[in-house]
């Protein structure tokens, strides 16, 4: 069975300071993200055992565990790539034009992302996704790691709104953390993911032409 692995950070833990502290990055990547990787691999082993022993009554709980842990792994893997020490500013090219088309302006897009992240009850994420059937950008609120996600939405940019992402540095001032992220977004990486996403056709044809 192929196991999931914790990806290395593409920069040093202190590279995003002062916007994100080194200690937060150490704990967030090395403890929290690593726990989701271990949880996904452990659940896959348990699913394999349940199939072999025909203990199908275990499946509902195991499937929920897999969705939570694997989605946590994937979201964090995207999150690290969305960040860079000398980031910020605004995207350009095709991504900027699509943002203007779908949100009206970059300012409106930024405001919506921050509002979606800031209004999460408990734990979750705000995500910019590409919806391939209607061929538009959407901002979606993800509860925990997997609930309320647009099902065919392709992740481009994600904003972690779990307390472990900010509390050690920003305490209860999470809006300051969301604002700080705009200083470290890696628009080149996000734009490259957008280019790949726009090449995908869903084949569902659930939107008007």
N, C-alpha and C. Protein backbone atom coordinates (compact mmCIF):
# COMPACT_ATOMS: atom_id res chain seq x y z
N UNK A 1 0.84 -1.19 0.00
CA UNK A 1 0.00 0.00 0.00
C UNK A 1 0.89 1.25 0.00
N UNK A 2 0.54 2.21 -0.83
CA UNK A 2 1.28 3.47 -0.89
C UNK A 2 0.89 4.33 0.30
N UNK A 3 1.88 4.83 1.04
CA UNK A 3 1.62 5.69 2.18
C UNK A 3 1.78 7.16 1.81
N UNK A 4 1.05 8.00 2.50
CA UNK A 4 1.22 9.44 2.36
C UNK A 4 2.42 9.88 3.19
N UNK A 5 3.06 10.95 2.77
CA UNK A 5 4.26 11.43 3.47
C UNK A 5 4.12 12.93 3.76
N UNK A 6 4.76 13.36 4.83
CA UNK A 6 4.79 14.78 5.18
C UNK A 6 5.77 15.50 4.26
N UNK A 7 5.32 16.47 3.47
CA UNK A 7 6.25 17.18 2.59
C UNK A 7 7.14 18.13 3.40
N UNK A 8 8.35 18.32 2.92
CA UNK A 8 9.22 19.32 3.53
C UNK A 8 8.67 20.72 3.25
N UNK A 9 8.89 21.63 4.18
CA UNK A 9 8.56 23.02 3.91
C UNK A 9 9.50 23.56 2.83
N UNK A 10 9.01 24.38 1.91
CA UNK A 10 9.88 24.93 0.86
C UNK A 10 10.69 26.14 1.32
N UNK A 11 10.76 26.38 2.62
CA UNK A 11 11.50 27.50 3.20
C UNK A 11 11.77 27.16 4.66
N UNK A 12 12.64 27.90 5.30
CA UNK A 12 12.93 27.68 6.71
C UNK A 12 11.74 28.11 7.57
N UNK A 13 11.66 27.55 8.78
CA UNK A 13 10.52 27.84 9.66
C UNK A 13 10.44 29.32 10.03
N UNK A 14 11.58 30.00 10.05
CA UNK A 14 11.56 31.42 10.42
C UNK A 14 11.46 32.35 9.21
N UNK A 15 11.31 31.79 8.03
CA UNK A 15 11.36 32.60 6.80
C UNK A 15 10.16 33.51 6.63
N UNK A 16 9.04 33.20 7.28
CA UNK A 16 7.83 33.99 7.09
C UNK A 16 7.64 35.04 8.18
N UNK A 17 8.60 35.13 9.10
CA UNK A 17 8.51 36.16 10.15
C UNK A 17 8.64 37.55 9.52
N UNK A 18 8.00 38.58 10.07
CA UNK A 18 7.23 38.57 11.33
C UNK A 18 5.78 38.16 11.17
N UNK A 19 5.37 37.81 9.96
CA UNK A 19 3.95 37.54 9.72
C UNK A 19 3.50 36.22 10.35
N UNK A 20 4.35 35.20 10.29
CA UNK A 20 4.08 33.92 10.94
C UNK A 20 5.36 33.52 11.66
N UNK A 21 5.26 33.29 12.96
CA UNK A 21 6.46 33.02 13.75
C UNK A 21 7.04 31.64 13.47
N UNK A 22 8.33 31.51 13.72
CA UNK A 22 9.01 30.23 13.53
C UNK A 22 8.40 29.14 14.41
N UNK A 23 8.04 29.49 15.65
CA UNK A 23 7.48 28.49 16.56
C UNK A 23 6.14 27.96 16.06
N UNK A 24 5.31 28.84 15.52
CA UNK A 24 4.04 28.39 14.94
C UNK A 24 4.31 27.44 13.78
N UNK A 25 5.24 27.80 12.92
CA UNK A 25 5.53 26.95 11.77
C UNK A 25 6.06 25.59 12.21
N UNK A 26 6.91 25.56 13.21
CA UNK A 26 7.45 24.29 13.72
C UNK A 26 6.33 23.39 14.22
N UNK A 27 5.43 23.95 15.01
CA UNK A 27 4.33 23.16 15.58
C UNK A 27 3.30 22.80 14.51
N UNK A 28 2.97 23.78 13.67
CA UNK A 28 1.92 23.58 12.68
C UNK A 28 2.31 22.48 11.68
N UNK A 29 3.53 22.58 11.16
CA UNK A 29 3.99 21.60 10.19
C UNK A 29 4.43 20.30 10.85
N UNK A 30 5.29 20.40 11.85
CA UNK A 30 5.90 19.21 12.42
C UNK A 30 5.01 18.40 13.34
N UNK A 31 3.98 19.02 13.91
CA UNK A 31 3.08 18.31 14.82
C UNK A 31 1.68 18.12 14.22
N UNK A 32 1.03 19.23 13.90
CA UNK A 32 -0.36 19.13 13.43
C UNK A 32 -0.45 18.46 12.06
N UNK A 33 0.30 18.97 11.08
CA UNK A 33 0.24 18.36 9.76
C UNK A 33 0.71 16.91 9.81
N UNK A 34 1.79 16.67 10.54
CA UNK A 34 2.31 15.29 10.65
C UNK A 34 1.26 14.35 11.24
N UNK A 35 0.45 14.84 12.16
CA UNK A 35 -0.58 13.99 12.77
C UNK A 35 -1.64 13.60 11.75
N UNK A 36 -1.97 14.50 10.82
CA UNK A 36 -2.96 14.15 9.79
C UNK A 36 -2.41 13.11 8.82
N UNK A 37 -1.12 13.22 8.50
CA UNK A 37 -0.49 12.22 7.64
C UNK A 37 -0.53 10.85 8.31
N UNK A 38 -0.14 10.80 9.58
CA UNK A 38 -0.17 9.54 10.32
C UNK A 38 -1.58 9.00 10.43
N UNK A 39 -2.54 9.88 10.67
CA UNK A 39 -3.93 9.46 10.78
C UNK A 39 -4.48 8.89 9.49
N UNK A 40 -4.13 9.51 8.35
CA UNK A 40 -4.59 9.00 7.06
C UNK A 40 -4.01 7.61 6.79
N UNK A 41 -2.71 7.43 7.03
CA UNK A 41 -2.08 6.14 6.79
C UNK A 41 -2.63 5.06 7.73
N UNK A 42 -2.83 5.42 8.98
CA UNK A 42 -3.38 4.47 9.95
C UNK A 42 -4.80 4.05 9.55
N UNK A 43 -5.60 5.00 9.09
CA UNK A 43 -6.97 4.68 8.71
C UNK A 43 -7.02 3.80 7.47
N UNK A 44 -6.12 4.04 6.53
CA UNK A 44 -6.08 3.18 5.35
C UNK A 44 -5.73 1.73 5.72
N UNK A 45 -4.83 1.55 6.67
CA UNK A 45 -4.51 0.21 7.15
C UNK A 45 -5.72 -0.43 7.82
N UNK A 46 -6.44 0.35 8.61
CA UNK A 46 -7.62 -0.16 9.29
C UNK A 46 -8.73 -0.51 8.30
N UNK A 47 -8.86 0.27 7.23
CA UNK A 47 -9.84 -0.04 6.19
C UNK A 47 -9.48 -1.35 5.49
N UNK A 48 -8.21 -1.54 5.23
CA UNK A 48 -7.74 -2.78 4.61
C UNK A 48 -8.05 -3.99 5.51
N UNK A 49 -7.82 -3.83 6.80
CA UNK A 49 -8.11 -4.90 7.76
C UNK A 49 -9.60 -5.17 7.85
N UNK A 50 -10.41 -4.12 7.82
CA UNK A 50 -11.87 -4.29 7.89
C UNK A 50 -12.40 -5.03 6.68
N UNK A 51 -11.87 -4.71 5.50
CA UNK A 51 -12.28 -5.43 4.29
C UNK A 51 -11.90 -6.91 4.37
N UNK A 52 -10.66 -7.16 4.80
CA UNK A 52 -10.18 -8.55 4.85
C UNK A 52 -10.99 -9.39 5.82
N UNK A 53 -11.42 -8.79 6.92
CA UNK A 53 -12.18 -9.53 7.94
C UNK A 53 -13.69 -9.37 7.77
N UNK A 54 -14.10 -8.65 6.73
CA UNK A 54 -15.51 -8.37 6.44
C UNK A 54 -16.22 -7.74 7.63
N UNK A 55 -15.51 -6.86 8.33
CA UNK A 55 -16.12 -6.10 9.42
C UNK A 55 -16.66 -4.78 8.86
N UNK A 56 -17.68 -4.89 8.06
CA UNK A 56 -18.16 -3.72 7.33
C UNK A 56 -18.88 -2.72 8.23
N UNK A 57 -19.22 -3.13 9.45
CA UNK A 57 -19.83 -2.19 10.38
C UNK A 57 -18.82 -1.11 10.82
N UNK A 58 -17.53 -1.35 10.61
CA UNK A 58 -16.51 -0.37 10.96
C UNK A 58 -16.35 0.72 9.91
N UNK A 59 -16.90 0.49 8.72
CA UNK A 59 -16.61 1.37 7.60
C UNK A 59 -17.08 2.82 7.79
N UNK A 60 -18.29 3.08 8.30
CA UNK A 60 -18.70 4.49 8.41
C UNK A 60 -17.74 5.34 9.23
N UNK A 61 -17.31 4.84 10.38
CA UNK A 61 -16.38 5.60 11.22
C UNK A 61 -15.03 5.75 10.54
N UNK A 62 -14.56 4.69 9.89
CA UNK A 62 -13.26 4.76 9.22
C UNK A 62 -13.29 5.69 8.02
N UNK A 63 -14.39 5.71 7.29
CA UNK A 63 -14.48 6.61 6.14
C UNK A 63 -14.47 8.07 6.59
N UNK A 64 -15.14 8.37 7.71
CA UNK A 64 -15.11 9.73 8.24
C UNK A 64 -13.69 10.11 8.68
N UNK A 65 -13.01 9.15 9.31
CA UNK A 65 -11.65 9.39 9.74
C UNK A 65 -10.73 9.66 8.55
N UNK A 66 -10.89 8.90 7.47
CA UNK A 66 -10.06 9.09 6.29
C UNK A 66 -10.33 10.45 5.66
N UNK A 67 -11.60 10.83 5.55
CA UNK A 67 -11.94 12.13 4.97
C UNK A 67 -11.31 13.26 5.77
N UNK A 68 -11.38 13.17 7.09
CA UNK A 68 -10.83 14.22 7.96
C UNK A 68 -9.31 14.30 7.85
N UNK A 69 -8.63 13.18 8.02
CA UNK A 69 -7.18 13.19 8.05
C UNK A 69 -6.55 13.42 6.68
N UNK A 70 -7.06 12.77 5.65
CA UNK A 70 -6.48 12.95 4.32
C UNK A 70 -6.75 14.36 3.79
N UNK A 71 -7.94 14.88 4.04
CA UNK A 71 -8.23 16.25 3.62
C UNK A 71 -7.34 17.23 4.38
N UNK A 72 -7.10 16.97 5.67
CA UNK A 72 -6.18 17.83 6.43
C UNK A 72 -4.79 17.81 5.84
N UNK A 73 -4.32 16.64 5.44
CA UNK A 73 -3.00 16.51 4.81
C UNK A 73 -2.95 17.30 3.50
N UNK A 74 -3.95 17.15 2.66
CA UNK A 74 -3.95 17.81 1.36
C UNK A 74 -4.06 19.32 1.49
N UNK A 75 -4.93 19.79 2.38
CA UNK A 75 -5.08 21.23 2.57
C UNK A 75 -3.80 21.87 3.07
N UNK A 76 -3.15 21.23 4.05
CA UNK A 76 -1.90 21.78 4.55
C UNK A 76 -0.80 21.75 3.48
N UNK A 77 -0.78 20.71 2.68
CA UNK A 77 0.22 20.63 1.61
C UNK A 77 0.07 21.78 0.62
N UNK A 78 -1.19 22.16 0.32
CA UNK A 78 -1.43 23.32 -0.54
C UNK A 78 -1.05 24.60 0.18
N UNK A 79 -1.41 24.70 1.47
CA UNK A 79 -1.17 25.91 2.25
C UNK A 79 0.31 26.29 2.26
N UNK A 80 1.18 25.31 2.52
CA UNK A 80 2.62 25.62 2.56
C UNK A 80 3.11 26.17 1.22
N UNK A 81 2.57 25.63 0.14
CA UNK A 81 3.00 26.08 -1.19
C UNK A 81 2.45 27.47 -1.51
N UNK A 82 1.36 27.86 -0.88
CA UNK A 82 0.77 29.18 -1.12
C UNK A 82 1.57 30.30 -0.48
N UNK A 83 2.53 29.96 0.38
CA UNK A 83 3.27 30.95 1.15
C UNK A 83 4.71 31.05 0.66
N UNK A 84 5.28 32.24 0.76
CA UNK A 84 6.67 32.45 0.39
C UNK A 84 7.21 33.66 1.13
N UNK A 85 8.48 33.67 1.48
CA UNK A 85 9.03 34.77 2.28
C UNK A 85 8.89 36.16 1.65
N UNK A 86 9.04 36.27 0.34
CA UNK A 86 8.97 37.58 -0.31
C UNK A 86 7.74 37.64 -1.21
N UNK A 87 6.61 37.31 -0.60
CA UNK A 87 5.37 37.26 -1.36
C UNK A 87 4.54 38.53 -1.21
N UNK A 88 3.25 38.35 -1.33
CA UNK A 88 2.34 39.48 -1.19
C UNK A 88 2.05 40.15 -2.51
N UNK A 89 1.51 41.33 -2.43
CA UNK A 89 1.13 42.03 -3.65
C UNK A 89 -0.12 41.42 -4.26
N UNK A 90 -0.17 41.42 -5.56
CA UNK A 90 -1.32 40.89 -6.28
C UNK A 90 -0.84 39.97 -7.40
N UNK A 91 -1.70 39.05 -7.83
CA UNK A 91 -1.33 38.21 -8.98
C UNK A 91 -1.36 39.04 -10.25
N UNK A 92 -0.89 38.45 -11.32
CA UNK A 92 -0.99 39.12 -12.61
C UNK A 92 -1.46 38.10 -13.64
N UNK A 93 -1.54 38.52 -14.87
CA UNK A 93 -1.88 37.61 -15.94
C UNK A 93 -3.29 37.05 -15.86
N UNK A 94 -3.43 35.79 -16.23
CA UNK A 94 -4.75 35.16 -16.35
C UNK A 94 -5.48 35.09 -15.01
N UNK A 95 -4.76 34.84 -13.94
CA UNK A 95 -5.42 34.75 -12.63
C UNK A 95 -6.00 36.10 -12.22
N UNK A 96 -5.25 37.17 -12.42
CA UNK A 96 -5.76 38.50 -12.08
C UNK A 96 -7.00 38.83 -12.90
N UNK A 97 -6.98 38.51 -14.18
CA UNK A 97 -8.14 38.80 -15.03
C UNK A 97 -9.36 38.00 -14.57
N UNK A 98 -9.14 36.74 -14.16
CA UNK A 98 -10.26 35.91 -13.71
C UNK A 98 -10.81 36.42 -12.38
N UNK A 99 -9.95 36.87 -11.51
CA UNK A 99 -10.40 37.46 -10.23
C UNK A 99 -11.26 38.69 -10.50
N UNK A 100 -10.80 39.55 -11.39
CA UNK A 100 -11.58 40.75 -11.73
C UNK A 100 -12.94 40.37 -12.32
N UNK A 101 -12.95 39.35 -13.14
CA UNK A 101 -14.20 38.92 -13.78
C UNK A 101 -15.18 38.34 -12.77
N UNK A 102 -14.70 37.49 -11.87
CA UNK A 102 -15.59 36.74 -10.99
C UNK A 102 -15.90 37.44 -9.67
N UNK A 103 -15.03 38.37 -9.24
CA UNK A 103 -15.25 39.06 -7.96
C UNK A 103 -15.41 40.57 -8.11
N UNK A 104 -15.14 41.08 -9.29
CA UNK A 104 -15.27 42.51 -9.50
C UNK A 104 -13.96 43.26 -9.35
N UNK A 105 -13.15 42.84 -8.38
CA UNK A 105 -11.84 43.46 -8.15
C UNK A 105 -11.05 42.59 -7.20
N UNK A 106 -9.74 42.82 -7.15
CA UNK A 106 -8.91 42.12 -6.18
C UNK A 106 -9.30 42.51 -4.76
N UNK A 107 -9.62 43.75 -4.55
CA UNK A 107 -10.03 44.23 -3.22
C UNK A 107 -11.26 43.48 -2.74
N UNK A 108 -12.24 43.28 -3.62
CA UNK A 108 -13.45 42.56 -3.23
C UNK A 108 -13.15 41.09 -2.94
N UNK A 109 -12.27 40.50 -3.73
CA UNK A 109 -11.87 39.12 -3.50
C UNK A 109 -11.19 38.97 -2.15
N UNK A 110 -10.25 39.86 -1.84
CA UNK A 110 -9.55 39.82 -0.55
C UNK A 110 -10.53 39.97 0.61
N UNK A 111 -11.46 40.89 0.49
CA UNK A 111 -12.44 41.11 1.55
C UNK A 111 -13.31 39.86 1.76
N UNK A 112 -13.69 39.20 0.67
CA UNK A 112 -14.52 38.00 0.79
C UNK A 112 -13.73 36.87 1.43
N UNK A 113 -12.48 36.68 1.03
CA UNK A 113 -11.66 35.62 1.64
C UNK A 113 -11.52 35.84 3.14
N UNK A 114 -11.20 37.07 3.55
CA UNK A 114 -11.04 37.35 4.97
C UNK A 114 -12.34 37.16 5.74
N UNK A 115 -13.46 37.57 5.13
CA UNK A 115 -14.75 37.43 5.80
C UNK A 115 -15.14 35.96 5.95
N UNK A 116 -14.88 35.17 4.92
CA UNK A 116 -15.19 33.74 4.98
C UNK A 116 -14.35 33.06 6.06
N UNK A 117 -13.06 33.38 6.10
CA UNK A 117 -12.19 32.79 7.12
C UNK A 117 -12.60 33.25 8.52
N UNK A 118 -12.90 34.53 8.66
CA UNK A 118 -13.21 35.09 9.97
C UNK A 118 -14.54 34.66 10.53
N UNK A 119 -15.45 34.20 9.69
CA UNK A 119 -16.79 33.82 10.16
C UNK A 119 -16.95 32.33 10.39
N UNK A 120 -15.86 31.57 10.27
CA UNK A 120 -15.93 30.13 10.53
C UNK A 120 -16.23 29.89 12.00
N UNK A 121 -17.20 29.07 12.28
CA UNK A 121 -17.56 28.69 13.65
C UNK A 121 -16.71 27.48 14.03
N UNK A 122 -15.75 27.69 14.92
CA UNK A 122 -14.88 26.58 15.31
C UNK A 122 -13.67 26.51 14.41
N UNK A 123 -13.49 25.36 13.76
CA UNK A 123 -12.28 25.11 12.97
C UNK A 123 -12.64 24.99 11.49
N UNK A 124 -11.73 25.46 10.64
CA UNK A 124 -11.97 25.31 9.21
C UNK A 124 -11.01 26.12 8.37
N UNK A 125 -11.38 26.32 7.12
CA UNK A 125 -10.54 26.98 6.12
C UNK A 125 -11.40 27.86 5.22
N UNK A 126 -10.79 28.87 4.66
CA UNK A 126 -11.35 29.56 3.50
C UNK A 126 -10.51 29.14 2.30
N UNK A 127 -11.16 28.92 1.17
CA UNK A 127 -10.43 28.42 0.00
C UNK A 127 -10.91 29.12 -1.27
N UNK A 128 -9.95 29.46 -2.11
CA UNK A 128 -10.24 29.89 -3.47
C UNK A 128 -10.16 28.65 -4.34
N UNK A 129 -11.25 28.35 -5.04
CA UNK A 129 -11.29 27.15 -5.86
C UNK A 129 -11.71 27.51 -7.28
N UNK A 130 -11.32 26.65 -8.20
CA UNK A 130 -11.76 26.74 -9.60
C UNK A 130 -12.85 25.73 -9.79
N UNK A 131 -14.04 26.20 -10.24
CA UNK A 131 -15.17 25.31 -10.51
C UNK A 131 -15.16 25.04 -12.01
N UNK A 132 -14.76 23.82 -12.44
CA UNK A 132 -14.45 23.60 -13.85
C UNK A 132 -15.65 23.55 -14.77
N UNK A 133 -16.84 23.27 -14.27
CA UNK A 133 -17.98 23.19 -15.18
C UNK A 133 -18.44 24.59 -15.60
N UNK A 134 -18.65 25.47 -14.63
CA UNK A 134 -19.04 26.85 -14.95
C UNK A 134 -17.82 27.70 -15.29
N UNK A 135 -16.61 27.13 -15.07
CA UNK A 135 -15.36 27.81 -15.36
C UNK A 135 -15.30 29.17 -14.67
N UNK A 136 -15.43 29.12 -13.35
CA UNK A 136 -15.37 30.33 -12.55
C UNK A 136 -14.62 30.07 -11.25
N UNK A 137 -14.12 31.14 -10.66
CA UNK A 137 -13.53 31.09 -9.33
C UNK A 137 -14.62 31.24 -8.28
N UNK A 138 -14.49 30.49 -7.20
CA UNK A 138 -15.39 30.60 -6.07
C UNK A 138 -14.57 30.65 -4.79
N UNK A 139 -15.11 31.31 -3.77
CA UNK A 139 -14.56 31.22 -2.43
C UNK A 139 -15.50 30.32 -1.63
N UNK A 140 -14.93 29.32 -0.99
CA UNK A 140 -15.74 28.38 -0.24
C UNK A 140 -15.24 28.27 1.19
N UNK A 141 -16.15 28.04 2.11
CA UNK A 141 -15.82 27.85 3.52
C UNK A 141 -15.82 26.36 3.80
N UNK A 142 -14.71 25.87 4.35
CA UNK A 142 -14.57 24.45 4.65
C UNK A 142 -14.62 24.27 6.16
N UNK A 143 -15.57 23.49 6.65
CA UNK A 143 -15.64 23.19 8.07
C UNK A 143 -14.72 22.02 8.38
N UNK A 144 -13.97 22.11 9.48
CA UNK A 144 -12.92 21.14 9.79
C UNK A 144 -11.96 21.08 8.60
N UNK A 145 -11.86 19.92 7.94
CA UNK A 145 -11.03 19.81 6.75
C UNK A 145 -11.83 19.41 5.51
N UNK A 146 -13.09 19.02 5.70
CA UNK A 146 -13.76 18.37 4.59
C UNK A 146 -15.22 18.75 4.40
N UNK A 147 -15.88 19.34 5.39
CA UNK A 147 -17.32 19.60 5.27
C UNK A 147 -17.58 20.95 4.61
N UNK A 148 -18.62 21.00 3.79
CA UNK A 148 -19.09 22.22 3.14
C UNK A 148 -18.24 22.60 1.94
N UNK A 149 -17.38 21.72 1.49
CA UNK A 149 -16.53 21.98 0.34
C UNK A 149 -17.31 21.81 -0.96
N UNK A 150 -17.13 22.72 -1.91
CA UNK A 150 -17.69 22.53 -3.25
C UNK A 150 -17.03 21.29 -3.85
N UNK A 151 -17.82 20.30 -4.21
CA UNK A 151 -17.27 18.96 -4.45
C UNK A 151 -16.31 18.87 -5.62
N UNK A 152 -16.53 19.63 -6.68
CA UNK A 152 -15.57 19.56 -7.79
C UNK A 152 -14.65 20.76 -7.80
N UNK A 153 -14.67 21.53 -6.71
CA UNK A 153 -13.80 22.70 -6.62
C UNK A 153 -12.34 22.30 -6.52
N UNK A 154 -11.50 22.88 -7.35
CA UNK A 154 -10.08 22.55 -7.39
C UNK A 154 -9.32 23.61 -6.60
N UNK A 155 -8.61 23.19 -5.56
CA UNK A 155 -7.96 24.11 -4.64
C UNK A 155 -6.86 24.92 -5.32
N UNK A 156 -6.93 26.23 -5.15
CA UNK A 156 -5.90 27.12 -5.67
C UNK A 156 -5.15 27.81 -4.53
N UNK A 157 -5.89 28.35 -3.58
CA UNK A 157 -5.34 29.07 -2.44
C UNK A 157 -6.18 28.72 -1.23
N UNK A 158 -5.53 28.43 -0.10
CA UNK A 158 -6.27 28.08 1.12
C UNK A 158 -5.76 28.91 2.28
N UNK A 159 -6.67 29.28 3.16
CA UNK A 159 -6.38 30.10 4.33
C UNK A 159 -6.79 29.31 5.56
N UNK A 160 -5.82 28.92 6.39
CA UNK A 160 -6.08 28.08 7.56
C UNK A 160 -6.69 28.93 8.67
N UNK A 161 -7.88 28.54 9.12
CA UNK A 161 -8.56 29.27 10.20
C UNK A 161 -8.66 28.45 11.48
N UNK A 162 -7.91 27.34 11.57
CA UNK A 162 -7.84 26.61 12.83
C UNK A 162 -7.00 27.43 13.82
N UNK A 163 -7.33 27.33 15.11
CA UNK A 163 -6.61 28.12 16.11
C UNK A 163 -5.12 27.81 16.15
N UNK A 164 -4.75 26.56 15.86
CA UNK A 164 -3.32 26.24 15.94
C UNK A 164 -2.51 26.97 14.88
N UNK A 165 -3.16 27.55 13.88
CA UNK A 165 -2.44 28.27 12.83
C UNK A 165 -2.00 29.66 13.27
N UNK A 166 -2.63 30.20 14.31
CA UNK A 166 -2.36 31.60 14.66
C UNK A 166 -2.31 31.91 16.15
N UNK A 167 -2.89 31.08 17.02
CA UNK A 167 -3.16 31.52 18.39
C UNK A 167 -1.89 31.81 19.19
N UNK A 168 -0.84 31.06 18.97
CA UNK A 168 0.40 31.26 19.72
C UNK A 168 0.97 32.66 19.49
N UNK A 169 0.72 33.24 18.35
CA UNK A 169 1.25 34.55 18.00
C UNK A 169 0.19 35.65 18.08
N UNK A 170 -1.00 35.37 17.56
CA UNK A 170 -2.04 36.39 17.45
C UNK A 170 -3.12 36.28 18.52
N UNK A 171 -3.07 35.24 19.33
CA UNK A 171 -4.06 34.99 20.38
C UNK A 171 -5.46 35.02 19.76
N UNK A 172 -6.37 35.82 20.31
CA UNK A 172 -7.74 35.82 19.78
C UNK A 172 -7.95 36.83 18.65
N UNK A 173 -6.86 37.42 18.17
CA UNK A 173 -6.95 38.43 17.12
C UNK A 173 -6.76 37.77 15.75
N UNK A 174 -7.63 36.84 15.43
CA UNK A 174 -7.43 36.05 14.22
C UNK A 174 -7.54 36.90 12.95
N UNK A 175 -8.29 37.99 13.00
CA UNK A 175 -8.40 38.85 11.81
C UNK A 175 -7.03 39.42 11.44
N UNK A 176 -6.17 39.66 12.44
CA UNK A 176 -4.83 40.15 12.15
C UNK A 176 -4.00 39.09 11.42
N UNK A 177 -4.20 37.84 11.79
CA UNK A 177 -3.50 36.75 11.10
C UNK A 177 -3.94 36.66 9.64
N UNK A 178 -5.23 36.74 9.40
CA UNK A 178 -5.71 36.67 8.02
C UNK A 178 -5.16 37.83 7.20
N UNK A 179 -5.11 39.02 7.78
CA UNK A 179 -4.53 40.16 7.07
C UNK A 179 -3.04 39.93 6.79
N UNK A 180 -2.33 39.34 7.77
CA UNK A 180 -0.89 39.11 7.62
C UNK A 180 -0.58 38.16 6.47
N UNK A 181 -1.46 37.21 6.22
CA UNK A 181 -1.20 36.23 5.16
C UNK A 181 -1.06 36.90 3.79
N UNK A 182 -1.70 38.03 3.59
CA UNK A 182 -1.63 38.69 2.29
C UNK A 182 -0.25 39.26 2.00
N UNK A 183 0.62 39.26 3.02
CA UNK A 183 2.01 39.69 2.82
C UNK A 183 2.92 38.56 2.36
N UNK A 184 2.42 37.33 2.40
CA UNK A 184 3.28 36.18 2.09
C UNK A 184 2.66 35.23 1.06
N UNK A 185 1.58 35.63 0.40
CA UNK A 185 1.02 34.75 -0.64
C UNK A 185 2.00 34.60 -1.79
N UNK A 186 2.12 33.38 -2.25
CA UNK A 186 3.04 33.06 -3.37
C UNK A 186 2.20 33.02 -4.65
N UNK A 187 2.00 34.19 -5.26
CA UNK A 187 1.09 34.27 -6.40
C UNK A 187 1.60 33.51 -7.62
N UNK A 188 2.90 33.37 -7.74
CA UNK A 188 3.43 32.59 -8.87
C UNK A 188 2.99 31.13 -8.76
N UNK A 189 3.08 30.56 -7.56
CA UNK A 189 2.66 29.17 -7.36
C UNK A 189 1.15 29.03 -7.50
N UNK A 190 0.40 29.98 -6.93
CA UNK A 190 -1.06 29.94 -7.02
C UNK A 190 -1.50 30.09 -8.47
N UNK A 191 -0.83 30.98 -9.19
CA UNK A 191 -1.16 31.17 -10.61
C UNK A 191 -0.85 29.95 -11.45
N UNK A 192 0.24 29.25 -11.13
CA UNK A 192 0.57 28.02 -11.87
C UNK A 192 -0.49 26.95 -11.63
N UNK A 193 -0.99 26.87 -10.39
CA UNK A 193 -2.04 25.90 -10.09
C UNK A 193 -3.33 26.28 -10.83
N UNK A 194 -3.59 27.58 -10.96
CA UNK A 194 -4.75 28.05 -11.71
C UNK A 194 -4.65 27.65 -13.18
N UNK A 195 -3.48 27.78 -13.77
CA UNK A 195 -3.29 27.41 -15.17
C UNK A 195 -3.56 25.92 -15.37
N UNK A 196 -3.10 25.08 -14.44
CA UNK A 196 -3.36 23.64 -14.54
C UNK A 196 -4.85 23.35 -14.38
N UNK A 197 -5.49 24.04 -13.44
CA UNK A 197 -6.90 23.79 -13.18
C UNK A 197 -7.77 24.15 -14.37
N UNK A 198 -7.45 25.24 -15.04
CA UNK A 198 -8.30 25.68 -16.16
C UNK A 198 -8.20 24.75 -17.36
N UNK A 199 -7.21 23.88 -17.38
CA UNK A 199 -7.09 22.91 -18.47
C UNK A 199 -8.01 21.71 -18.27
N UNK A 200 -8.62 21.61 -17.07
CA UNK A 200 -9.47 20.46 -16.74
C UNK A 200 -10.91 20.75 -17.13
N UNK A 201 -11.55 19.78 -17.77
CA UNK A 201 -12.98 19.86 -18.10
C UNK A 201 -13.71 18.81 -17.26
N UNK A 202 -14.75 19.24 -16.56
CA UNK A 202 -15.45 18.31 -15.66
C UNK A 202 -16.26 17.27 -16.42
N UNK A 203 -16.81 17.64 -17.58
CA UNK A 203 -17.66 16.72 -18.33
C UNK A 203 -19.07 16.59 -17.76
N UNK A 204 -19.37 17.30 -16.67
CA UNK A 204 -20.69 17.17 -16.04
C UNK A 204 -21.77 17.94 -16.77
N UNK A 205 -21.42 19.12 -17.30
CA UNK A 205 -22.36 19.97 -18.02
C UNK A 205 -23.56 20.31 -17.15
N UNK A 206 -23.27 20.81 -15.93
CA UNK A 206 -24.34 21.18 -15.01
C UNK A 206 -24.56 22.68 -14.98
N UNK A 207 -23.83 23.43 -15.79
CA UNK A 207 -24.00 24.88 -15.85
C UNK A 207 -24.42 25.26 -17.27
N UNK A 208 -25.11 26.40 -17.38
CA UNK A 208 -25.53 26.88 -18.69
C UNK A 208 -24.30 27.27 -19.50
N UNK A 209 -24.39 27.06 -20.79
CA UNK A 209 -23.28 27.43 -21.68
C UNK A 209 -23.13 28.92 -21.77
